[in-house]
Protein backbone atom coordinates (compact mmCIF):
# COMPACT_ATOMS: atom_id res chain seq x y z
CA SER A 1 23.83 15.88 65.01
CA SER A 2 25.72 17.10 61.89
CA GLY A 3 24.58 19.74 59.46
CA CYS A 4 23.41 17.09 57.03
CA GLY A 5 20.69 15.85 59.39
CA CYS A 6 22.34 12.54 60.39
CA LEU A 7 21.75 11.49 64.03
CA LEU A 8 24.80 10.08 65.85
CA PRO A 9 25.46 9.35 69.53
CA PRO A 10 27.13 12.23 71.42
CA LEU A 11 30.93 12.25 71.37
CA ALA A 12 33.06 11.64 74.46
CA PRO A 13 34.97 14.72 75.75
CA GLU A 14 38.28 13.44 74.38
CA GLU A 15 36.60 12.92 70.97
CA GLU A 16 35.26 16.43 70.63
CA GLY A 17 37.06 18.38 67.96
CA ALA A 18 38.28 15.20 66.23
CA VAL A 19 35.57 15.27 63.64
CA GLY A 20 35.69 14.67 59.86
CA ILE A 21 33.08 14.78 57.11
CA LEU A 22 32.80 11.82 54.69
CA HIS A 23 30.47 12.00 51.72
CA GLY A 24 29.42 8.54 50.60
CA ARG A 25 27.73 7.34 47.39
CA GLY A 26 24.25 8.75 46.81
CA GLY A 27 24.95 12.00 48.63
CA LEU A 28 25.01 10.48 52.11
CA CYS A 29 26.94 12.49 54.59
CA PHE A 30 28.39 10.98 57.67
CA THR A 31 29.90 12.80 60.63
CA LEU A 32 32.48 10.49 62.06
CA ALA A 33 34.68 10.53 65.07
CA PHE A 34 38.14 9.23 64.18
CA ARG A 35 38.12 6.84 67.09
CA ARG A 36 34.52 5.75 66.55
CA ASP A 37 33.73 2.09 65.75
CA TRP A 38 33.54 1.71 61.90
CA LYS A 39 31.40 -1.41 61.91
CA PHE A 40 28.11 0.43 61.42
CA PHE A 41 29.38 2.37 58.41
CA SER A 42 31.09 -0.59 56.83
CA MET A 43 27.75 -2.40 56.88
CA ILE A 44 26.23 0.44 54.85
CA TRP A 45 29.08 0.30 52.33
CA VAL A 46 28.76 -3.46 52.05
CA SER A 47 25.02 -3.08 51.36
CA GLN A 48 25.67 -0.51 48.64
CA LEU A 49 28.41 -2.64 47.08
CA SER A 50 26.15 -5.69 47.17
CA GLN A 51 23.44 -3.80 45.30
CA ALA A 52 25.96 -2.65 42.70
CA LEU A 53 27.28 -6.21 42.34
CA ASN A 54 23.75 -7.52 41.82
CA GLY A 55 23.27 -5.14 38.91
CA LEU A 56 26.65 -6.10 37.47
CA SER A 57 25.81 -9.76 37.93
CA ASP A 58 22.64 -9.31 35.88
CA ARG A 59 24.66 -7.74 33.10
CA ALA A 60 27.19 -10.58 33.24
CA LYS A 61 24.36 -13.11 33.01
CA GLU A 62 22.95 -11.31 29.97
CA ALA A 63 26.43 -11.26 28.41
CA LYS A 64 26.81 -15.03 28.91
CA GLU A 65 23.44 -15.65 27.29
CA PHE A 66 24.41 -13.34 24.43
CA LEU A 67 27.67 -15.27 23.91
CA VAL A 68 25.71 -18.52 23.76
CA GLN A 69 23.46 -16.92 21.17
CA LEU A 70 26.48 -15.81 19.09
CA ARG A 71 28.07 -19.27 19.28
CA ASN A 72 24.81 -20.80 18.14
CA MET A 73 24.80 -18.31 15.26
CA VAL A 74 28.29 -19.50 14.23
CA GLN A 75 27.05 -23.08 14.11
CA GLN A 76 23.90 -22.05 12.25
CA ILE A 77 25.91 -20.04 9.72
CA GLN A 78 28.10 -23.07 9.02
CA GLU A 79 25.09 -25.34 8.56
CA ASN A 80 23.31 -22.81 6.37
CA SER A 81 26.47 -22.36 4.27
CA VAL A 82 26.71 -26.08 3.56
CA GLU A 83 23.04 -26.23 2.68
CA PHE A 84 23.27 -23.14 0.48
CA GLU A 85 26.35 -24.42 -1.38
CA ALA A 86 24.60 -27.72 -2.06
CA CYS A 87 21.58 -25.83 -3.38
CA LEU A 88 23.82 -23.67 -5.60
CA VAL A 89 25.61 -26.72 -7.03
CA ALA A 90 22.26 -28.38 -7.72
CA GLN A 91 20.96 -25.27 -9.49
CA CYS A 92 24.10 -24.94 -11.64
CA ASP A 93 24.00 -28.66 -12.46
CA ALA A 94 20.39 -28.25 -13.52
CA LEU A 95 21.43 -25.43 -15.87
CA ILE A 96 24.22 -27.59 -17.32
CA ASP A 97 21.77 -30.48 -17.82
CA ALA A 98 19.33 -28.13 -19.58
CA LEU A 99 22.18 -26.86 -21.81
CA ASN A 100 23.23 -30.42 -22.67
CA ARG A 101 19.63 -31.31 -23.56
CA ARG A 102 19.42 -28.27 -25.81
CA LYS A 103 22.80 -29.19 -27.32
CA ALA A 104 21.47 -32.66 -28.19
CA GLN A 105 18.38 -31.11 -29.81
CA LEU A 106 20.50 -28.73 -31.90
CA LEU A 107 22.86 -31.54 -32.97
CA SER A 108 19.83 -33.54 -34.03
CA ARG A 109 18.75 -30.67 -36.28
CA VAL A 110 22.27 -30.50 -37.77
CA ASN A 111 22.21 -34.24 -38.47
CA LYS A 112 18.83 -33.92 -40.17
CA GLU A 113 20.18 -31.12 -42.35
CA HIS A 114 23.25 -33.27 -43.14
CA GLU A 115 21.12 -36.23 -44.19
CA HIS A 116 18.88 -34.00 -46.28
CA LYS A 117 21.83 -32.52 -48.18
CA LEU A 118 23.32 -35.96 -48.86
CA LYS A 119 20.01 -37.31 -50.12
CA VAL A 120 19.51 -34.41 -52.53
CA VAL A 121 23.04 -34.74 -53.95
CA ARG A 122 22.81 -38.52 -54.23
CA ASP A 123 19.46 -38.29 -56.00
CA GLN A 124 20.95 -35.79 -58.44
CA ILE A 125 23.96 -38.10 -59.01
CA SER A 126 21.65 -41.00 -59.75
CA HIS A 127 19.51 -38.93 -62.10
CA CYS A 128 22.54 -37.56 -63.98
CA THR A 129 24.07 -41.03 -64.27
CA VAL A 130 20.94 -42.38 -65.94
CA LYS A 131 20.71 -39.42 -68.29
CA LEU A 132 24.41 -39.71 -69.17
CA ARG A 133 24.00 -43.39 -70.03
CA GLN A 134 21.05 -42.59 -72.25
CA THR A 135 22.98 -39.80 -73.96
CA THR A 136 26.06 -41.97 -74.47
CA GLY A 137 23.96 -44.75 -75.92
CA LEU A 138 22.25 -42.34 -78.32
CA MET A 139 25.61 -40.97 -79.44
CA GLU A 140 27.02 -44.45 -80.03
CA TYR A 141 23.93 -45.44 -82.06
CA CYS A 142 24.15 -42.30 -84.18
CA LEU A 143 27.83 -42.97 -84.92
CA GLU A 144 27.03 -46.50 -86.04
CA VAL A 145 24.30 -45.22 -88.35
CA ILE A 146 26.71 -42.72 -89.88
CA LYS A 147 29.21 -45.53 -90.57
CA GLU A 148 26.59 -47.56 -92.50
CA ASN A 149 26.96 -47.30 -96.25
CA ASP A 150 23.21 -47.24 -96.86
CA PRO A 151 22.10 -43.78 -97.94
CA SER A 152 18.47 -44.78 -98.45
CA GLY A 153 18.24 -46.28 -95.01
CA PHE A 154 19.93 -43.21 -93.49
CA LEU A 155 17.43 -40.92 -95.12
CA GLN A 156 14.55 -42.85 -93.61
CA ILE A 157 15.75 -42.40 -89.98
CA SER A 158 17.83 -39.22 -90.17
CA ASP A 159 15.02 -36.76 -89.29
CA ALA A 160 13.98 -38.80 -86.28
CA LEU A 161 17.55 -39.13 -85.05
CA ILE A 162 18.20 -35.43 -85.46
CA ARG A 163 15.06 -34.54 -83.46
CA ARG A 164 16.00 -36.98 -80.70
CA VAL A 165 19.55 -35.60 -80.50
CA HIS A 166 18.21 -32.03 -80.18
CA LEU A 167 15.65 -33.12 -77.54
CA THR A 168 18.33 -34.86 -75.51
CA GLU A 169 20.55 -31.81 -75.74
CA ASP A 170 17.70 -29.58 -74.55
CA GLN A 171 17.11 -31.81 -71.53
CA TRP A 172 20.71 -31.28 -70.43
CA GLY A 173 20.27 -27.54 -70.67
CA LYS A 174 17.34 -27.17 -68.17
CA GLY A 175 19.40 -26.98 -64.95
CA THR A 176 20.43 -30.57 -65.07
CA LEU A 177 24.11 -29.65 -64.75
CA THR A 178 23.52 -27.26 -61.78
CA PRO A 179 23.87 -28.63 -58.21
CA ARG A 180 20.55 -28.70 -56.36
CA MET A 181 22.17 -28.31 -52.93
CA THR A 182 25.01 -26.25 -51.46
CA THR A 183 27.70 -27.76 -49.35
CA ASP A 184 27.41 -25.03 -46.69
CA PHE A 185 25.26 -25.33 -43.60
CA ASP A 186 23.17 -22.16 -43.41
CA LEU A 187 22.70 -22.39 -39.64
CA ASN A 188 24.19 -19.94 -37.13
CA LEU A 189 23.86 -20.60 -33.40
CA ASP A 190 22.57 -17.46 -31.65
CA ASN A 191 24.36 -17.89 -28.31
CA ALA A 192 24.79 -14.19 -27.44
CA PRO A 193 21.64 -13.94 -25.23
CA LEU A 194 22.61 -17.07 -23.33
CA LEU A 195 26.17 -15.85 -22.77
CA GLN A 196 24.81 -12.52 -21.55
CA SER A 197 22.43 -14.31 -19.18
CA ILE A 198 25.31 -16.42 -17.86
CA HIS A 199 27.38 -13.30 -17.23
CA GLN A 200 24.41 -11.71 -15.45
CA LEU A 201 23.74 -14.78 -13.36
CA ASP A 202 23.83 -13.61 -9.74
CA PHE A 203 22.19 -14.02 -6.36
CA VAL A 204 18.83 -12.41 -5.64
CA GLN A 205 16.74 -12.29 -2.50
CA MET A 206 14.68 -15.45 -2.50
CA LYS A 207 12.92 -14.95 0.84
CA VAL A 208 9.71 -13.21 1.72
CA PRO A 209 10.13 -10.15 3.97
CA ALA A 210 9.86 -10.32 7.74
CA PRO A 211 6.66 -8.97 9.34
CA PRO A 212 6.78 -5.15 9.63
CA ILE A 213 6.72 -3.52 13.07
CA LEU A 214 4.04 -0.91 13.79
CA GLN A 215 5.65 2.08 15.53
CA LEU A 216 3.21 2.71 18.34
CA GLU A 217 4.73 6.06 19.30
CA GLU A 218 3.93 7.45 15.83
CA CYS A 219 0.47 5.93 15.37
CA CYS A 220 -2.46 8.14 16.35
CA THR A 221 -6.01 9.18 15.54
CA HIS A 222 -7.49 12.63 14.97
CA ASN A 223 -11.20 13.13 14.54
CA ASN A 224 -12.19 10.36 12.13
CA SER A 225 -8.71 9.90 10.65
CA ALA A 226 -5.99 7.44 11.64
CA THR A 227 -2.27 7.77 10.98
CA LEU A 228 -0.17 4.61 11.05
CA SER A 229 3.59 4.21 10.79
CA TRP A 230 5.67 1.05 10.49
CA LYS A 231 9.20 -0.19 9.76
CA GLN A 232 11.09 -3.35 8.94
CA PRO A 233 12.82 -5.26 11.77
CA PRO A 234 16.29 -3.78 12.50
CA LEU A 235 18.31 -6.84 11.40
CA SER A 236 16.20 -7.68 8.36
CA THR A 237 18.21 -7.62 5.08
CA VAL A 238 15.51 -8.98 2.78
CA GLN A 239 14.50 -6.53 0.07
CA VAL A 240 10.98 -5.08 0.37
CA GLU A 241 9.11 -3.79 -2.66
CA GLY A 242 6.04 -2.46 -0.85
CA TYR A 243 3.53 -2.73 1.96
CA ILE A 244 -0.17 -3.54 2.32
CA LEU A 245 -2.08 -1.79 5.12
CA GLU A 246 -5.41 -3.26 6.21
CA LEU A 247 -8.16 -1.99 8.51
CA ASP A 248 -11.35 -3.65 9.62
CA ASP A 249 -14.74 -1.93 9.38
CA GLY A 250 -14.63 -0.47 12.90
CA ASN A 251 -17.13 -3.03 14.09
CA GLY A 252 -15.03 -6.19 14.30
CA GLY A 253 -15.73 -7.14 10.67
CA GLN A 254 -13.50 -8.26 7.82
CA PHE A 255 -10.18 -6.53 7.12
CA ARG A 256 -9.86 -4.59 3.86
CA GLU A 257 -6.89 -3.06 2.05
CA VAL A 258 -6.63 0.72 2.52
CA TYR A 259 -3.10 1.30 1.19
CA VAL A 260 -0.63 -0.48 -1.11
CA GLY A 261 2.72 1.17 -1.82
CA LYS A 262 6.31 1.83 -0.80
CA GLU A 263 5.67 4.40 1.93
CA THR A 264 5.97 3.46 5.61
CA MET A 265 3.36 5.94 6.87
CA CYS A 266 -0.27 6.35 5.85
CA THR A 267 -3.19 8.50 7.00
CA VAL A 268 -6.63 6.97 6.47
CA ASP A 269 -9.48 9.48 6.34
CA GLY A 270 -13.23 9.05 6.36
CA LEU A 271 -13.47 6.59 9.26
CA HIS A 272 -16.48 6.42 11.54
CA PHE A 273 -16.47 8.49 14.70
CA ASN A 274 -16.53 6.82 18.11
CA SER A 275 -15.42 3.51 16.61
CA THR A 276 -12.67 1.01 17.39
CA TYR A 277 -10.58 -0.07 14.42
CA SER A 278 -8.00 -2.83 14.13
CA ALA A 279 -5.03 -2.25 11.82
CA ARG A 280 -2.30 -4.52 10.51
CA VAL A 281 0.35 -4.34 7.80
CA LYS A 282 2.38 -6.80 5.74
CA ALA A 283 5.33 -6.46 3.34
CA PHE A 284 5.85 -8.02 -0.07
CA ASN A 285 8.52 -8.59 -2.73
CA LYS A 286 8.83 -10.71 -5.87
CA THR A 287 9.09 -13.86 -3.79
CA GLY A 288 5.88 -13.40 -1.82
CA VAL A 289 4.10 -11.71 1.08
CA SER A 290 5.28 -11.55 4.68
CA PRO A 291 3.18 -12.54 7.68
CA TYR A 292 1.09 -9.76 9.21
CA SER A 293 2.42 -7.42 11.84
CA LYS A 294 0.87 -7.41 15.26
CA THR A 295 -2.63 -5.93 15.22
CA LEU A 296 -3.00 -2.37 16.53
CA VAL A 297 -6.31 -1.17 17.98
CA LEU A 298 -7.25 2.48 17.32
CA GLN A 299 -10.12 4.53 18.74
CA THR A 300 -11.53 7.43 16.73
CA SER A 301 -12.86 10.58 18.39
CA GLU A 302 -16.17 10.34 20.18
CA VAL A 303 -17.34 13.68 18.77
CA ALA A 304 -16.60 15.39 15.48
CA TRP A 305 -14.49 18.52 15.34
CA PHE A 306 -14.89 20.19 11.97
CA SER A 307 -15.26 23.55 10.24
CA PHE A 308 -16.92 24.88 7.12
CA ASP A 309 -15.31 23.82 3.84
CA PRO A 310 -14.19 26.67 1.53
CA ALA A 311 -13.29 24.23 -1.24
CA SER A 312 -16.86 23.05 -1.85
CA ALA A 313 -18.73 26.27 -0.96
CA HIS A 314 -20.34 28.76 -3.32
CA ALA A 315 -18.04 31.58 -4.37
CA ASP A 316 -20.26 34.19 -2.60
CA ILE A 317 -19.58 32.66 0.83
CA ILE A 318 -17.12 34.57 3.07
CA PHE A 319 -15.19 32.68 5.76
CA SER A 320 -13.72 33.92 9.04
CA ASN A 321 -12.87 32.75 12.54
CA ASP A 322 -10.86 29.72 11.30
CA ASN A 323 -13.72 28.85 8.93
CA LEU A 324 -16.20 28.53 11.81
CA THR A 325 -18.13 31.69 10.90
CA VAL A 326 -19.65 32.32 7.45
CA THR A 327 -21.38 35.27 5.83
CA CYS A 328 -22.52 35.96 2.29
CA ASN A 329 -22.15 38.90 -0.08
CA SER A 330 -25.30 38.02 -2.08
CA TYR A 331 -29.00 38.61 -1.42
CA ASP A 332 -29.66 35.14 -2.89
CA ASP A 333 -29.32 31.96 -0.89
CA ARG A 334 -25.92 30.27 -1.05
CA VAL A 335 -24.91 26.87 0.38
CA VAL A 336 -21.83 25.92 2.40
CA LEU A 337 -20.96 22.44 3.71
CA GLY A 338 -18.94 21.15 6.64
CA LYS A 339 -15.60 19.48 5.97
CA THR A 340 -16.56 16.19 7.62
CA GLY A 341 -19.13 13.70 6.38
CA PHE A 342 -21.05 11.21 8.54
CA SER A 343 -22.36 7.76 7.66
CA LYS A 344 -22.58 6.12 11.08
CA GLY A 345 -23.24 7.06 14.70
CA LEU A 346 -24.89 9.92 16.62
CA HIS A 347 -23.73 13.49 15.89
CA TYR A 348 -24.78 16.89 17.20
CA TRP A 349 -23.63 20.40 16.34
CA GLU A 350 -24.97 23.88 16.91
CA LEU A 351 -24.99 27.15 14.99
CA SER A 352 -25.05 30.46 16.83
CA ILE A 353 -26.78 33.30 15.00
CA ASP A 354 -24.23 36.11 15.32
CA ARG A 355 -26.02 38.41 12.87
CA TYR A 356 -29.68 38.54 11.84
CA ASP A 357 -31.01 41.54 9.86
CA ASN A 358 -34.29 42.08 7.95
CA HIS A 359 -35.81 38.74 8.96
CA PRO A 360 -34.08 36.35 6.48
CA ASP A 361 -34.86 32.63 6.48
CA PRO A 362 -31.57 30.65 6.59
CA ALA A 363 -31.70 26.86 6.34
CA PHE A 364 -29.81 24.32 8.42
CA GLY A 365 -29.41 20.58 7.96
CA VAL A 366 -27.41 17.97 6.06
CA ALA A 367 -26.65 17.38 2.39
CA ARG A 368 -24.80 15.23 -0.11
CA ILE A 369 -21.49 16.52 -1.41
CA ASP A 370 -23.06 17.40 -4.82
CA VAL A 371 -25.97 19.46 -3.45
CA LEU A 372 -26.97 22.62 -5.32
CA LYS A 373 -24.88 25.54 -4.04
CA ASP A 374 -26.92 28.43 -5.50
CA ALA A 375 -30.36 27.69 -4.01
CA MET A 376 -31.91 27.36 -0.57
CA LEU A 377 -30.92 24.18 1.21
CA GLY A 378 -33.64 21.57 0.61
CA LYS A 379 -34.66 22.74 -2.86
CA ASP A 380 -33.24 19.59 -4.46
CA ASP A 381 -33.21 15.94 -3.46
CA LYS A 382 -29.62 16.17 -2.15
CA ALA A 383 -30.45 18.07 1.07
CA TRP A 384 -32.61 17.67 4.19
CA ALA A 385 -33.14 20.98 6.00
CA MET A 386 -35.09 23.23 8.32
CA TYR A 387 -35.48 26.82 7.14
CA VAL A 388 -36.58 29.36 9.73
CA ASP A 389 -37.37 33.06 10.01
CA ASN A 390 -38.12 35.19 13.06
CA ASN A 391 -41.56 33.61 13.66
CA ARG A 392 -41.76 30.05 12.37
CA SER A 393 -39.93 27.17 10.64
CA TRP A 394 -40.52 24.50 7.98
CA PHE A 395 -38.80 21.27 7.01
CA MET A 396 -37.83 20.94 3.35
CA HIS A 397 -36.50 18.20 1.09
CA ASN A 398 -36.72 18.09 -2.71
CA ASN A 399 -38.64 21.41 -2.57
CA SER A 400 -41.38 19.85 -0.42
CA HIS A 401 -42.30 22.02 2.60
CA THR A 402 -43.71 20.24 5.68
CA ASN A 403 -44.40 20.67 9.40
CA ARG A 404 -44.78 24.41 9.84
CA THR A 405 -43.84 25.09 13.47
CA GLU A 406 -44.21 28.30 15.46
CA GLY A 407 -41.08 29.81 16.95
CA GLY A 408 -38.27 31.49 15.10
CA ILE A 409 -34.76 32.86 15.57
CA THR A 410 -33.20 36.20 16.42
CA LYS A 411 -29.66 37.42 16.86
CA GLY A 412 -28.04 35.32 19.60
CA ALA A 413 -30.27 32.29 19.04
CA THR A 414 -28.80 28.77 18.78
CA VAL A 415 -29.92 26.19 16.24
CA GLY A 416 -29.11 22.57 17.05
CA VAL A 417 -28.83 19.74 14.49
CA LEU A 418 -29.03 16.12 15.72
CA LEU A 419 -28.13 13.48 13.13
CA ASP A 420 -28.81 9.98 14.44
CA LEU A 421 -27.62 7.49 11.84
CA THR A 422 -28.30 4.59 14.16
CA ARG A 423 -32.02 5.42 14.07
CA ARG A 424 -31.56 7.10 10.66
CA THR A 425 -33.28 10.32 11.77
CA LEU A 426 -32.65 14.08 11.67
CA THR A 427 -34.00 16.40 14.39
CA PHE A 428 -33.69 20.16 14.97
CA SER A 429 -33.81 22.38 18.03
CA ILE A 430 -33.84 26.12 18.73
CA ASN A 431 -32.28 27.30 21.98
CA GLU A 432 -32.09 23.63 23.14
CA ASP A 433 -35.85 23.04 22.65
CA GLN A 434 -36.83 20.56 19.97
CA GLN A 435 -38.35 22.34 16.98
CA GLY A 436 -41.25 20.30 15.68
CA PRO A 437 -41.33 16.50 15.40
CA VAL A 438 -38.58 14.32 13.97
CA ALA A 439 -37.85 16.12 10.72
CA PHE A 440 -36.65 13.26 8.51
CA GLU A 441 -36.45 9.48 8.78
CA ASN A 442 -34.90 6.59 6.83
CA LEU A 443 -31.68 8.50 6.18
CA GLU A 444 -28.88 6.39 4.78
CA GLY A 445 -25.52 7.15 3.18
CA LEU A 446 -22.95 9.91 3.62
CA PHE A 447 -24.16 13.29 4.93
CA PHE A 448 -22.33 16.61 5.38
CA PRO A 449 -23.45 19.39 7.74
CA ALA A 450 -24.92 22.17 5.58
CA VAL A 451 -26.22 25.74 5.79
CA SER A 452 -27.80 28.09 3.26
CA LEU A 453 -27.72 31.86 3.92
CA ASN A 454 -27.76 35.30 2.34
CA ARG A 455 -26.10 38.58 3.27
CA ASN A 456 -28.53 39.29 6.13
CA VAL A 457 -27.43 36.43 8.39
CA GLY A 458 -24.15 35.22 9.84
CA PRO A 459 -24.08 31.85 11.65
CA LYS A 460 -21.15 30.54 13.68
CA LEU A 461 -20.50 26.78 13.81
CA ASN A 462 -20.03 25.09 17.19
CA PRO A 463 -18.83 21.50 16.49
CA GLY A 464 -17.61 18.78 18.81
CA ILE A 465 -20.58 18.89 21.19
CA GLU A 466 -21.24 15.73 23.13
CA VAL A 467 -24.79 14.48 22.81
CA ARG A 468 -26.63 14.99 26.07
CA PRO A 469 -28.87 12.14 27.34
CA HIS A 470 -32.15 13.98 26.72
CA GLN A 471 -31.11 14.65 23.12
CA GLY A 472 -30.92 10.96 22.40
CA ARG A 473 -34.63 10.67 23.33
CA VAL A 474 -36.24 12.92 20.75
CA GLN A 475 -39.95 13.60 20.68
CA GLY A 476 -41.92 11.96 17.90
C-alpha cells in the first residue's frame, strides 16, 4: 500500500526498493514496480483516453453541423441577393415609369400653353387684318372724294367723312397695335425637391423586428411589483423603435398594455398580492410589430410587506423605525396611511401599542388615498375604522358610530386588522380576539391601511403576517 491509499499486491523480494511514483490524470497516484506487468495500468489510461476522445468527438460533430449551417447560409445569401437585386431593379423601374408619366403630363401642359399662345396671336392677326382693310378702304374712298371737282357734293359728305376718319383712328389707338400674348413660356420646372429625393434615396430596414427575449435572470417580483427585462436576439440587425409590454389581470384574463417605450426594463407596481401574472413583450418599428416573446409567469408575494407613507401623511406625524413606528406632535387627531393599497385578496396586519398615555382613542382601519388627514379616521366617507380607548371601542364610517363593544387597549396591546376583499369585509381584533362583529361589509375598490392618532399614543406597524386559518372564519 502506497501513501496515496492505492492497494497493490505485495512486491517480490527482488522488487523491493525498485519503486517509482507516477501521478496520472485526475490526481491518481500509482505505486509501480518497474518490473510489474503494465497491462492493468494501460487499461486505465485507455479508458481515460476513450472518455476524452468521446468529448472531442462530440465537439467535432458539432463543428461539422456548424459547417453545414454556414454552407447553407452561403447558398441562402446568394439566393437572397438575386431576389433583392431583382426587387431593387423593379423598384427603380417603377420610379422611372412614374417619372416618365409625369414627364408626359408636363409636356401636355406645355403643348396646351403653346396652342393657346398661337390661337391668341392668330386671332389678333385676323382682327388686325380686317381692321387694316377697312382703314385702307376708307382712305382710298376719301382720296377719291378729294379728287372730285364738286365742291357742293364735298360739303354735303365732308363732316361725315371727317367723323368716320377720326373714329377709325381712335379704334387703332385702344391697344389694337399691342400684342395680346408674349412669346415666352412663363413655366419653370421645380425639379430641386425631386433631385434632392433622388440623392437621398437609400436603403432602410423594411422588416419587422424579431421577437424580444425575456431575460429570466433579471426578472423578479417584490411585494406586489414585478420587474421585467428583455433584449433583442443577439444576431438581429433590424432597427427597433420601441417595445410593448403586456400583462394579464393575474387571473388568466385578457392581456393589457402596461408599458410602451424604448427602455428594455420596466417595473410594474400596484399588482394584486398572491396572484399569478403572465407577461409578454413585443418590439415595433415603422414597418410593423414583431411576434410576441415567450410568455413569462410571475408570482407576487403571498403577504404584503409595507410601511407607513410619509409622503401622504399629515405634517404633524413623526416617523421612526424605518417608517414602521409613528407618533404625533399634536393633541388633535392626525391620519397616516400605509404605502401599499389593496383591491383584491385577503390581508392582515397588526399594530402594537408601544405608548399609551392619558387614555386617548386612536383609530385603526382602511381608507382611500384622499381621506381627510386632520380628523379622526372615519369622520368622512373615505375611511372605515375602529376607534378604541382603554375600556371600549366603536366602528365609524362617515361620522356614523356603531357597535359599541366592551374591551379596550393599553400599552403593549395588539390591534389586528383583517381586510377580506374576497368577501368584501373588514374585521378587527384586540390581542388576537375578534372585537365585535364584522365591522364593515360590501367593500369595493382600492384601500390603504390607515391610522389616526395624537401625541398620547404611538403604534408600531407589523406587516407581512400570514392569515391564520381561524382568522379566515370571522364571527358574524
